[in-house]
PDB file of all heavy atoms in Angstrom:
ATOM      1  N   PRO A   1    -233.093 -54.110  24.953  1.00  0.00           N
ATOM      2  CA  PRO A   1    -231.818 -53.599  25.468  1.00  0.00           C
ATOM      3  C   PRO A   1    -230.836 -54.744  25.715  1.00  0.00           C
ATOM      4  O   PRO A   1    -231.233 -55.833  26.115  1.00  0.00           O
ATOM      5  CB  PRO A   1    -232.210 -52.915  26.775  1.00  0.00           C
ATOM      6  CG  PRO A   1    -233.686 -52.693  26.673  1.00  0.00           C
ATOM      7  CD  PRO A   1    -234.213 -53.781  25.816  1.00  0.00           C
ATOM      8  N   SER A   2    -229.549 -54.484  25.453  1.00  0.00           N
ATOM      9  CA  SER A   2    -228.532 -55.509  25.688  1.00  0.00           C
ATOM     10  C   SER A   2    -228.106 -55.550  27.152  1.00  0.00           C
ATOM     11  O   SER A   2    -227.443 -56.481  27.581  1.00  0.00           O
ATOM     12  CB  SER A   2    -227.310 -55.241  24.813  1.00  0.00           C
ATOM     13  OG  SER A   2    -226.767 -53.964  25.111  1.00  0.00           O
ATOM     14  N   LEU A   3    -228.497 -54.522  27.932  1.00  0.00           N
ATOM     15  CA  LEU A   3    -228.102 -54.480  29.332  1.00  0.00           C
ATOM     16  C   LEU A   3    -229.161 -53.714  30.119  1.00  0.00           C
ATOM     17  O   LEU A   3    -229.592 -52.636  29.704  1.00  0.00           O
ATOM     18  CB  LEU A   3    -226.745 -53.783  29.482  1.00  0.00           C
ATOM     19  CG  LEU A   3    -226.062 -53.859  30.844  1.00  0.00           C
ATOM     20  CD1 LEU A   3    -225.659 -55.288  31.164  1.00  0.00           C
ATOM     21  CD2 LEU A   3    -224.848 -52.935  30.867  1.00  0.00           C
ATOM     22  N   THR A   4    -229.615 -54.306  31.229  1.00  0.00           N
ATOM     23  CA  THR A   4    -230.564 -53.616  32.096  1.00  0.00           C
ATOM     24  C   THR A   4    -230.023 -53.638  33.527  1.00  0.00           C
ATOM     25  O   THR A   4    -229.110 -54.402  33.856  1.00  0.00           O
ATOM     26  CB  THR A   4    -231.953 -54.293  32.072  1.00  0.00           C
ATOM     27  OG1 THR A   4    -231.800 -55.662  32.477  1.00  0.00           O
ATOM     28  CG2 THR A   4    -232.564 -54.241  30.684  1.00  0.00           C
ATOM     29  N   VAL A   5    -230.609 -52.763  34.354  1.00  0.00           N
ATOM     30  CA  VAL A   5    -230.206 -52.683  35.751  1.00  0.00           C
ATOM     31  C   VAL A   5    -231.452 -52.913  36.622  1.00  0.00           C
ATOM     32  O   VAL A   5    -232.492 -52.269  36.396  1.00  0.00           O
ATOM     33  CB  VAL A   5    -229.574 -51.317  36.080  1.00  0.00           C
ATOM     34  CG1 VAL A   5    -229.200 -51.246  37.563  1.00  0.00           C
ATOM     35  CG2 VAL A   5    -228.367 -51.054  35.208  1.00  0.00           C
ATOM     36  N   ARG A   6    -231.335 -53.832  37.578  1.00  0.00           N
ATOM     37  CA  ARG A   6    -232.476 -54.124  38.457  1.00  0.00           C
ATOM     38  C   ARG A   6    -231.985 -54.368  39.883  1.00  0.00           C
ATOM     39  O   ARG A   6    -230.858 -54.815  40.100  1.00  0.00           O
ATOM     40  CB  ARG A   6    -233.230 -55.384  38.000  1.00  0.00           C
ATOM     41  CG  ARG A   6    -234.002 -55.203  36.711  1.00  0.00           C
ATOM     42  CD  ARG A   6    -234.763 -56.473  36.404  1.00  0.00           C
ATOM     43  NE  ARG A   6    -235.362 -56.425  35.094  1.00  0.00           N
ATOM     44  CZ  ARG A   6    -235.937 -57.459  34.502  1.00  0.00           C
ATOM     45  NH1 ARG A   6    -235.988 -58.628  35.126  1.00  0.00           N
ATOM     46  NH2 ARG A   6    -236.471 -57.343  33.307  1.00  0.00           N
ATOM     47  N   ARG A   7    -232.874 -54.084  40.829  1.00  0.00           N
ATOM     48  CA  ARG A   7    -232.603 -54.420  42.229  1.00  0.00           C
ATOM     49  C   ARG A   7    -233.290 -55.765  42.498  1.00  0.00           C
ATOM     50  O   ARG A   7    -234.514 -55.880  42.394  1.00  0.00           O
ATOM     51  CB  ARG A   7    -233.148 -53.338  43.148  1.00  0.00           C
ATOM     52  CG  ARG A   7    -232.790 -53.545  44.612  1.00  0.00           C
ATOM     53  CD  ARG A   7    -233.208 -52.352  45.429  1.00  0.00           C
ATOM     54  NE  ARG A   7    -232.440 -51.165  45.100  1.00  0.00           N
ATOM     55  CZ  ARG A   7    -231.228 -50.882  45.565  1.00  0.00           C
ATOM     56  NH1 ARG A   7    -230.636 -51.733  46.391  1.00  0.00           N
ATOM     57  NH2 ARG A   7    -230.612 -49.781  45.212  1.00  0.00           N
ATOM     58  N   VAL A   8    -232.503 -56.778  42.807  1.00  0.00           N
ATOM     59  CA  VAL A   8    -233.030 -58.137  42.901  1.00  0.00           C
ATOM     60  C   VAL A   8    -232.408 -58.858  44.098  1.00  0.00           C
ATOM     61  O   VAL A   8    -231.434 -58.396  44.697  1.00  0.00           O
ATOM     62  CB  VAL A   8    -232.729 -58.954  41.614  1.00  0.00           C
ATOM     63  CG1 VAL A   8    -233.454 -58.370  40.422  1.00  0.00           C
ATOM     64  CG2 VAL A   8    -231.222 -59.017  41.368  1.00  0.00           C
ATOM     65  N   SER A   9    -233.011 -60.006  44.420  1.00  0.00           N
ATOM     66  CA  SER A   9    -232.464 -60.914  45.424  1.00  0.00           C
ATOM     67  C   SER A   9    -232.953 -62.313  45.112  1.00  0.00           C
ATOM     68  O   SER A   9    -233.833 -62.511  44.262  1.00  0.00           O
ATOM     69  CB  SER A   9    -232.897 -60.503  46.841  1.00  0.00           C
ATOM     70  OG  SER A   9    -234.310 -60.618  46.967  1.00  0.00           O
ATOM     71  N   GLY A  10    -232.375 -63.312  45.818  1.00  0.00           N
ATOM     72  CA  GLY A  10    -232.809 -64.695  45.614  1.00  0.00           C
ATOM     73  C   GLY A  10    -231.913 -65.449  44.660  1.00  0.00           C
ATOM     74  O   GLY A  10    -230.814 -65.002  44.295  1.00  0.00           O
ATOM     75  N   PRO A  11    -232.352 -66.614  44.187  1.00  0.00           N
ATOM     76  CA  PRO A  11    -231.539 -67.431  43.283  1.00  0.00           C
ATOM     77  C   PRO A  11    -231.292 -66.710  41.961  1.00  0.00           C
ATOM     78  O   PRO A  11    -232.211 -66.137  41.366  1.00  0.00           O
ATOM     79  CB  PRO A  11    -232.384 -68.692  43.083  1.00  0.00           C
ATOM     80  CG  PRO A  11    -233.339 -68.719  44.231  1.00  0.00           C
ATOM     81  CD  PRO A  11    -233.597 -67.296  44.577  1.00  0.00           C
ATOM     82  N   LEU A  12    -230.045 -66.734  41.478  1.00  0.00           N
ATOM     83  CA  LEU A  12    -229.714 -66.088  40.217  1.00  0.00           C
ATOM     84  C   LEU A  12    -230.428 -66.742  39.038  1.00  0.00           C
ATOM     85  O   LEU A  12    -230.635 -66.105  38.007  1.00  0.00           O
ATOM     86  CB  LEU A  12    -228.195 -66.123  39.996  1.00  0.00           C
ATOM     87  CG  LEU A  12    -227.350 -65.221  40.909  1.00  0.00           C
ATOM     88  CD1 LEU A  12    -225.912 -65.191  40.412  1.00  0.00           C
ATOM     89  CD2 LEU A  12    -227.916 -63.812  40.988  1.00  0.00           C
ATOM     90  N   TRP A  13    -230.781 -68.015  39.187  1.00  0.00           N
ATOM     91  CA  TRP A  13    -231.503 -68.679  38.097  1.00  0.00           C
ATOM     92  C   TRP A  13    -232.825 -67.955  37.825  1.00  0.00           C
ATOM     93  O   TRP A  13    -233.173 -67.688  36.670  1.00  0.00           O
ATOM     94  CB  TRP A  13    -231.763 -70.143  38.431  1.00  0.00           C
ATOM     95  CG  TRP A  13    -232.673 -70.814  37.420  1.00  0.00           C
ATOM     96  CD1 TRP A  13    -234.012 -70.974  37.523  1.00  0.00           C
ATOM     97  CD2 TRP A  13    -232.289 -71.351  36.155  1.00  0.00           C
ATOM     98  NE1 TRP A  13    -234.506 -71.593  36.400  1.00  0.00           N
ATOM     99  CE2 TRP A  13    -233.467 -71.840  35.534  1.00  0.00           C
ATOM    100  CE3 TRP A  13    -231.073 -71.464  35.482  1.00  0.00           C
ATOM    101  CZ2 TRP A  13    -233.463 -72.444  34.289  1.00  0.00           C
ATOM    102  CZ3 TRP A  13    -231.067 -72.065  34.237  1.00  0.00           C
ATOM    103  CH2 TRP A  13    -232.244 -72.540  33.648  1.00  0.00           C
ATOM    104  N   GLU A  14    -233.557 -67.599  38.861  1.00  0.00           N
ATOM    105  CA  GLU A  14    -234.828 -66.913  38.689  1.00  0.00           C
ATOM    106  C   GLU A  14    -234.615 -65.511  38.116  1.00  0.00           C
ATOM    107  O   GLU A  14    -235.409 -65.030  37.310  1.00  0.00           O
ATOM    108  CB  GLU A  14    -235.580 -66.841  40.016  1.00  0.00           C
ATOM    109  CG  GLU A  14    -235.917 -68.199  40.622  1.00  0.00           C
ATOM    110  CD  GLU A  14    -236.854 -69.005  39.731  1.00  0.00           C
ATOM    111  OE1 GLU A  14    -237.598 -68.380  38.932  1.00  0.00           O
ATOM    112  OE2 GLU A  14    -236.835 -70.249  39.829  1.00  0.00           O
ATOM    113  N   VAL A  15    -233.551 -64.836  38.574  1.00  0.00           N
ATOM    114  CA  VAL A  15    -233.243 -63.499  38.058  1.00  0.00           C
ATOM    115  C   VAL A  15    -232.898 -63.568  36.575  1.00  0.00           C
ATOM    116  O   VAL A  15    -233.381 -62.780  35.751  1.00  0.00           O
ATOM    117  CB  VAL A  15    -232.086 -62.870  38.851  1.00  0.00           C
ATOM    118  CG1 VAL A  15    -231.699 -61.509  38.267  1.00  0.00           C
ATOM    119  CG2 VAL A  15    -232.456 -62.738  40.316  1.00  0.00           C
ATOM    120  N   ALA A  16    -232.059 -64.564  36.199  1.00  0.00           N
ATOM    121  CA  ALA A  16    -231.664 -64.714  34.798  1.00  0.00           C
ATOM    122  C   ALA A  16    -232.849 -65.084  33.924  1.00  0.00           C
ATOM    123  O   ALA A  16    -233.011 -64.580  32.815  1.00  0.00           O
ATOM    124  CB  ALA A  16    -230.566 -65.777  34.691  1.00  0.00           C
ATOM    125  N   LYS A  17    -233.703 -65.950  34.427  1.00  0.00           N
ATOM    126  CA  LYS A  17    -234.876 -66.371  33.660  1.00  0.00           C
ATOM    127  C   LYS A  17    -235.803 -65.192  33.395  1.00  0.00           C
ATOM    128  O   LYS A  17    -236.324 -65.015  32.288  1.00  0.00           O
ATOM    129  CB  LYS A  17    -235.607 -67.482  34.405  1.00  0.00           C
ATOM    130  CG  LYS A  17    -236.802 -68.059  33.671  1.00  0.00           C
ATOM    131  CD  LYS A  17    -237.438 -69.182  34.471  1.00  0.00           C
ATOM    132  CE  LYS A  17    -238.632 -69.774  33.741  1.00  0.00           C
ATOM    133  NZ  LYS A  17    -239.257 -70.879  34.526  1.00  0.00           N
ATOM    134  N   ALA A  18    -236.021 -64.341  34.416  1.00  0.00           N
ATOM    135  CA  ALA A  18    -236.903 -63.183  34.257  1.00  0.00           C
ATOM    136  C   ALA A  18    -236.295 -62.143  33.321  1.00  0.00           C
ATOM    137  O   ALA A  18    -237.018 -61.432  32.612  1.00  0.00           O
ATOM    138  CB  ALA A  18    -237.206 -62.561  35.616  1.00  0.00           C
ATOM    139  N   GLY A  19    -234.961 -62.073  33.299  1.00  0.00           N
ATOM    140  CA  GLY A  19    -234.316 -61.052  32.474  1.00  0.00           C
ATOM    141  C   GLY A  19    -233.814 -61.560  31.145  1.00  0.00           C
ATOM    142  O   GLY A  19    -233.155 -60.800  30.411  1.00  0.00           O
ATOM    143  N   GLY A  20    -234.062 -62.821  30.819  1.00  0.00           N
ATOM    144  CA  GLY A  20    -233.600 -63.366  29.549  1.00  0.00           C
ATOM    145  C   GLY A  20    -232.092 -63.467  29.473  1.00  0.00           C
ATOM    146  O   GLY A  20    -231.502 -63.299  28.396  1.00  0.00           O
ATOM    147  N   SER A  21    -231.443 -63.743  30.601  1.00  0.00           N
ATOM    148  CA  SER A  21    -229.987 -63.848  30.642  1.00  0.00           C
ATOM    149  C   SER A  21    -229.608 -65.251  31.110  1.00  0.00           C
ATOM    150  O   SER A  21    -230.440 -66.157  31.113  1.00  0.00           O
ATOM    151  CB  SER A  21    -229.419 -62.780  31.572  1.00  0.00           C
ATOM    152  OG  SER A  21    -228.011 -62.776  31.554  1.00  0.00           O
ATOM    153  N   THR A  22    -228.360 -65.408  31.502  1.00  0.00           N
ATOM    154  CA  THR A  22    -227.891 -66.678  32.052  1.00  0.00           C
ATOM    155  C   THR A  22    -227.216 -66.422  33.395  1.00  0.00           C
ATOM    156  O   THR A  22    -226.762 -65.301  33.681  1.00  0.00           O
ATOM    157  CB  THR A  22    -226.883 -67.372  31.111  1.00  0.00           C
ATOM    158  OG1 THR A  22    -225.697 -66.579  31.029  1.00  0.00           O
ATOM    159  CG2 THR A  22    -227.482 -67.582  29.724  1.00  0.00           C
ATOM    160  N   VAL A  23    -227.141 -67.475  34.198  1.00  0.00           N
ATOM    161  CA  VAL A  23    -226.486 -67.350  35.497  1.00  0.00           C
ATOM    162  C   VAL A  23    -225.022 -66.985  35.314  1.00  0.00           C
ATOM    163  O   VAL A  23    -224.475 -66.125  36.023  1.00  0.00           O
ATOM    164  CB  VAL A  23    -226.634 -68.663  36.302  1.00  0.00           C
ATOM    165  CG1 VAL A  23    -225.799 -68.611  37.574  1.00  0.00           C
ATOM    166  CG2 VAL A  23    -228.096 -68.925  36.635  1.00  0.00           C
ATOM    167  N   GLU A  24    -224.384 -67.617  34.337  1.00  0.00           N
ATOM    168  CA  GLU A  24    -222.953 -67.353  34.100  1.00  0.00           C
ATOM    169  C   GLU A  24    -222.720 -65.901  33.713  1.00  0.00           C
ATOM    170  O   GLU A  24    -221.766 -65.248  34.182  1.00  0.00           O
ATOM    171  CB  GLU A  24    -222.424 -68.288  33.021  1.00  0.00           C
ATOM    172  CG  GLU A  24    -222.398 -69.760  33.395  1.00  0.00           C
ATOM    173  CD  GLU A  24    -223.767 -70.414  33.305  1.00  0.00           C
ATOM    174  OE1 GLU A  24    -224.712 -69.784  32.760  1.00  0.00           O
ATOM    175  OE2 GLU A  24    -223.895 -71.554  33.782  1.00  0.00           O
ATOM    176  N   ALA A  25    -223.614 -65.359  32.851  1.00  0.00           N
ATOM    177  CA  ALA A  25    -223.460 -63.971  32.434  1.00  0.00           C
ATOM    178  C   ALA A  25    -223.665 -63.014  33.599  1.00  0.00           C
ATOM    179  O   ALA A  25    -222.957 -62.009  33.741  1.00  0.00           O
ATOM    180  CB  ALA A  25    -224.444 -63.658  31.305  1.00  0.00           C
ATOM    181  N   LEU A  26    -224.639 -63.299  34.453  1.00  0.00           N
ATOM    182  CA  LEU A  26    -224.876 -62.458  35.630  1.00  0.00           C
ATOM    183  C   LEU A  26    -223.673 -62.455  36.569  1.00  0.00           C
ATOM    184  O   LEU A  26    -223.264 -61.403  37.080  1.00  0.00           O
ATOM    185  CB  LEU A  26    -226.107 -62.952  36.386  1.00  0.00           C
ATOM    186  CG  LEU A  26    -227.487 -62.602  35.807  1.00  0.00           C
ATOM    187  CD1 LEU A  26    -228.569 -63.317  36.588  1.00  0.00           C
ATOM    188  CD2 LEU A  26    -227.715 -61.093  35.836  1.00  0.00           C
ATOM    189  N   MET A  27    -223.114 -63.632  36.821  1.00  0.00           N
ATOM    190  CA  MET A  27    -221.989 -63.708  37.751  1.00  0.00           C
ATOM    191  C   MET A  27    -220.773 -62.994  37.180  1.00  0.00           C
ATOM    192  O   MET A  27    -220.031 -62.323  37.917  1.00  0.00           O
ATOM    193  CB  MET A  27    -221.660 -65.182  38.046  1.00  0.00           C
ATOM    194  CG  MET A  27    -222.773 -65.900  38.795  1.00  0.00           C
ATOM    195  SD  MET A  27    -222.400 -67.624  39.190  1.00  0.00           S
ATOM    196  CE  MET A  27    -221.140 -67.412  40.450  1.00  0.00           C
ATOM    197  N   ALA A  28    -220.553 -63.107  35.855  1.00  0.00           N
ATOM    198  CA  ALA A  28    -219.396 -62.451  35.242  1.00  0.00           C
ATOM    199  C   ALA A  28    -219.568 -60.937  35.229  1.00  0.00           C
ATOM    200  O   ALA A  28    -218.629 -60.185  35.535  1.00  0.00           O
ATOM    201  CB  ALA A  28    -219.189 -62.986  33.827  1.00  0.00           C
ATOM    202  N   ALA A  29    -220.782 -60.464  34.891  1.00  0.00           N
ATOM    203  CA  ALA A  29    -221.000 -59.026  34.773  1.00  0.00           C
ATOM    204  C   ALA A  29    -220.956 -58.330  36.118  1.00  0.00           C
ATOM    205  O   ALA A  29    -220.624 -57.140  36.198  1.00  0.00           O
ATOM    206  CB  ALA A  29    -222.338 -58.765  34.085  1.00  0.00           C
ATOM    207  N   ASN A  30    -221.291 -59.050  37.198  1.00  0.00           N
ATOM    208  CA  ASN A  30    -221.372 -58.421  38.515  1.00  0.00           C
ATOM    209  C   ASN A  30    -220.311 -58.920  39.485  1.00  0.00           C
ATOM    210  O   ASN A  30    -220.347 -58.587  40.671  1.00  0.00           O
ATOM    211  CB  ASN A  30    -222.753 -58.665  39.110  1.00  0.00           C
ATOM    212  CG  ASN A  30    -223.856 -58.000  38.319  1.00  0.00           C
ATOM    213  OD1 ASN A  30    -224.152 -56.834  38.505  1.00  0.00           O
ATOM    214  ND2 ASN A  30    -224.474 -58.760  37.419  1.00  0.00           N
ATOM    215  N   HIS A  31    -219.364 -59.731  38.979  1.00  0.00           N
ATOM    216  CA  HIS A  31    -218.251 -60.239  39.788  1.00  0.00           C
ATOM    217  C   HIS A  31    -218.770 -60.950  41.049  1.00  0.00           C
ATOM    218  O   HIS A  31    -218.338 -60.675  42.177  1.00  0.00           O
ATOM    219  CB  HIS A  31    -217.287 -59.109  40.178  1.00  0.00           C
ATOM    220  CG  HIS A  31    -216.775 -58.332  39.016  1.00  0.00           C
ATOM    221  ND1 HIS A  31    -215.889 -58.850  38.094  1.00  0.00           N
ATOM    222  CD2 HIS A  31    -217.056 -57.069  38.602  1.00  0.00           C
ATOM    223  CE1 HIS A  31    -215.619 -57.937  37.165  1.00  0.00           C
ATOM    224  NE2 HIS A  31    -216.319 -56.840  37.449  1.00  0.00           N
ATOM    225  N   LEU A  32    -219.706 -61.858  40.834  1.00  0.00           N
ATOM    226  CA  LEU A  32    -220.312 -62.600  41.944  1.00  0.00           C
ATOM    227  C   LEU A  32    -219.626 -63.944  42.125  1.00  0.00           C
ATOM    228  O   LEU A  32    -219.148 -64.548  41.157  1.00  0.00           O
ATOM    229  CB  LEU A  32    -221.805 -62.815  41.682  1.00  0.00           C
ATOM    230  CG  LEU A  32    -222.666 -61.555  41.542  1.00  0.00           C
ATOM    231  CD1 LEU A  32    -224.092 -61.942  41.164  1.00  0.00           C
ATOM    232  CD2 LEU A  32    -222.657 -60.752  42.832  1.00  0.00           C
ATOM    233  N   ASP A  33    -219.586 -64.416  43.359  1.00  0.00           N
ATOM    234  CA  ASP A  33    -219.043 -65.750  43.638  1.00  0.00           C
ATOM    235  C   ASP A  33    -220.107 -66.666  44.234  1.00  0.00           C
ATOM    236  O   ASP A  33    -219.795 -67.706  44.812  1.00  0.00           O
ATOM    237  CB  ASP A  33    -217.840 -65.660  44.580  1.00  0.00           C
ATOM    238  CG  ASP A  33    -218.179 -64.963  45.901  1.00  0.00           C
ATOM    239  OD1 ASP A  33    -219.373 -64.620  46.094  1.00  0.00           O
ATOM    240  OD2 ASP A  33    -217.276 -64.784  46.718  1.00  0.00           O
ATOM    241  N   THR A  34    -221.368 -66.289  44.118  1.00  0.00           N
ATOM    242  CA  THR A  34    -222.470 -67.113  44.603  1.00  0.00           C
ATOM    243  C   THR A  34    -223.615 -67.056  43.613  1.00  0.00           C
ATOM    244  O   THR A  34    -223.773 -66.052  42.898  1.00  0.00           O
ATOM    245  CB  THR A  34    -222.944 -66.624  45.986  1.00  0.00           C
ATOM    246  OG1 THR A  34    -224.052 -67.416  46.395  1.00  0.00           O
ATOM    247  CG2 THR A  34    -223.383 -65.168  45.948  1.00  0.00           C
ATOM    248  N   ASP A  35    -224.400 -68.129  43.556  1.00  0.00           N
ATOM    249  CA  ASP A  35    -225.539 -68.153  42.633  1.00  0.00           C
ATOM    250  C   ASP A  35    -226.852 -67.857  43.339  1.00  0.00           C
ATOM    251  O   ASP A  35    -227.930 -68.114  42.810  1.00  0.00           O
ATOM    252  CB  ASP A  35    -225.626 -69.493  41.905  1.00  0.00           C
ATOM    253  CG  ASP A  35    -225.821 -70.662  42.854  1.00  0.00           C
ATOM    254  OD1 ASP A  35    -225.892 -70.422  44.072  1.00  0.00           O
ATOM    255  OD2 ASP A  35    -225.892 -71.808  42.377  1.00  0.00           O
ATOM    256  N   CYS A  36    -226.766 -67.308  44.562  1.00  0.00           N
ATOM    257  CA  CYS A  36    -227.981 -66.934  45.297  1.00  0.00           C
ATOM    258  C   CYS A  36    -227.677 -65.710  46.148  1.00  0.00           C
ATOM    259  O   CYS A  36    -226.708 -65.700  46.916  1.00  0.00           O
ATOM    260  CB  CYS A  36    -228.458 -68.091  46.170  1.00  0.00           C
ATOM    261  SG  CYS A  36    -230.028 -67.765  47.014  1.00  0.00           S
ATOM    262  N   LEU A  37    -228.490 -64.672  46.003  1.00  0.00           N
ATOM    263  CA  LEU A  37    -228.316 -63.439  46.765  1.00  0.00           C
ATOM    264  C   LEU A  37    -229.258 -63.452  47.969  1.00  0.00           C
ATOM    265  O   LEU A  37    -230.490 -63.489  47.804  1.00  0.00           O
ATOM    266  CB  LEU A  37    -228.622 -62.227  45.891  1.00  0.00           C
ATOM    267  CG  LEU A  37    -227.746 -62.051  44.633  1.00  0.00           C
ATOM    268  CD1 LEU A  37    -228.216 -60.856  43.839  1.00  0.00           C
ATOM    269  CD2 LEU A  37    -226.284 -61.905  45.019  1.00  0.00           C
ATOM    270  N   GLU A  38    -228.695 -63.440  49.162  1.00  0.00           N
ATOM    271  CA  GLU A  38    -229.524 -63.455  50.363  1.00  0.00           C
ATOM    272  C   GLU A  38    -230.155 -62.097  50.618  1.00  0.00           C
ATOM    273  O   GLU A  38    -231.251 -62.010  51.177  1.00  0.00           O
ATOM    274  CB  GLU A  38    -228.687 -63.884  51.568  1.00  0.00           C
ATOM    275  CG  GLU A  38    -228.206 -65.331  51.481  1.00  0.00           C
ATOM    276  CD  GLU A  38    -227.478 -65.747  52.731  1.00  0.00           C
ATOM    277  OE1 GLU A  38    -227.377 -64.925  53.666  1.00  0.00           O
ATOM    278  OE2 GLU A  38    -227.013 -66.909  52.777  1.00  0.00           O
ATOM    279  N   GLU A  39    -229.479 -61.017  50.214  1.00  0.00           N
ATOM    280  CA  GLU A  39    -230.019 -59.674  50.407  1.00  0.00           C
ATOM    281  C   GLU A  39    -230.198 -58.995  49.053  1.00  0.00           C
ATOM    282  O   GLU A  39    -229.488 -59.285  48.088  1.00  0.00           O
ATOM    283  CB  GLU A  39    -229.088 -58.842  51.288  1.00  0.00           C
ATOM    284  CG  GLU A  39    -228.914 -59.406  52.703  1.00  0.00           C
ATOM    285  CD  GLU A  39    -227.989 -58.547  53.539  1.00  0.00           C
ATOM    286  OE1 GLU A  39    -227.435 -57.570  52.991  1.00  0.00           O
ATOM    287  OE2 GLU A  39    -227.827 -58.853  54.731  1.00  0.00           O
ATOM    288  N   GLU A  40    -231.151 -58.105  48.996  1.00  0.00           N
ATOM    289  CA  GLU A  40    -231.428 -57.386  47.745  1.00  0.00           C
ATOM    290  C   GLU A  40    -230.264 -56.465  47.392  1.00  0.00           C
ATOM    291  O   GLU A  40    -229.713 -55.788  48.245  1.00  0.00           O
ATOM    292  CB  GLU A  40    -232.717 -56.575  47.901  1.00  0.00           C
ATOM    293  CG  GLU A  40    -233.249 -56.042  46.575  1.00  0.00           C
ATOM    294  CD  GLU A  40    -234.561 -55.318  46.756  1.00  0.00           C
ATOM    295  OE1 GLU A  40    -234.537 -54.164  47.240  1.00  0.00           O
ATOM    296  OE2 GLU A  40    -235.606 -55.923  46.429  1.00  0.00           O
ATOM    297  N   ARG A  41    -229.919 -56.460  46.098  1.00  0.00           N
ATOM    298  CA  ARG A  41    -228.851 -55.576  45.625  1.00  0.00           C
ATOM    299  C   ARG A  41    -229.059 -55.240  44.158  1.00  0.00           C
ATOM    300  O   ARG A  41    -229.835 -55.888  43.469  1.00  0.00           O
ATOM    301  CB  ARG A  41    -227.469 -56.198  45.845  1.00  0.00           C
ATOM    302  CG  ARG A  41    -227.244 -57.508  45.139  1.00  0.00           C
ATOM    303  CD  ARG A  41    -225.853 -58.031  45.359  1.00  0.00           C
ATOM    304  NE  ARG A  41    -224.855 -57.207  44.698  1.00  0.00           N
ATOM    305  CZ  ARG A  41    -223.541 -57.479  44.682  1.00  0.00           C
ATOM    306  NH1 ARG A  41    -223.090 -58.540  45.334  1.00  0.00           N
ATOM    307  NH2 ARG A  41    -222.703 -56.703  44.060  1.00  0.00           N
ATOM    308  N   LEU A  42    -228.360 -54.218  43.679  1.00  0.00           N
ATOM    309  CA  LEU A  42    -228.481 -53.738  42.304  1.00  0.00           C
ATOM    310  C   LEU A  42    -227.562 -54.562  41.415  1.00  0.00           C
ATOM    311  O   LEU A  42    -226.371 -54.690  41.684  1.00  0.00           O
ATOM    312  CB  LEU A  42    -228.102 -52.255  42.244  1.00  0.00           C
ATOM    313  CG  LEU A  42    -228.694 -51.419  41.120  1.00  0.00           C
ATOM    314  CD1 LEU A  42    -230.209 -51.389  41.207  1.00  0.00           C
ATOM    315  CD2 LEU A  42    -228.118 -50.010  41.163  1.00  0.00           C
TER     316      LEU A  42
END
């Protein structure tokens, strides 16, 4: 799939690595201004 949805938390690097994505792509797709999520979110 070109796009998946997950409930995650923690450093975006670990999230991107597990999902085969990049930190930059995650931040752009979800309009994030931090590279670490302190609380779990979709």
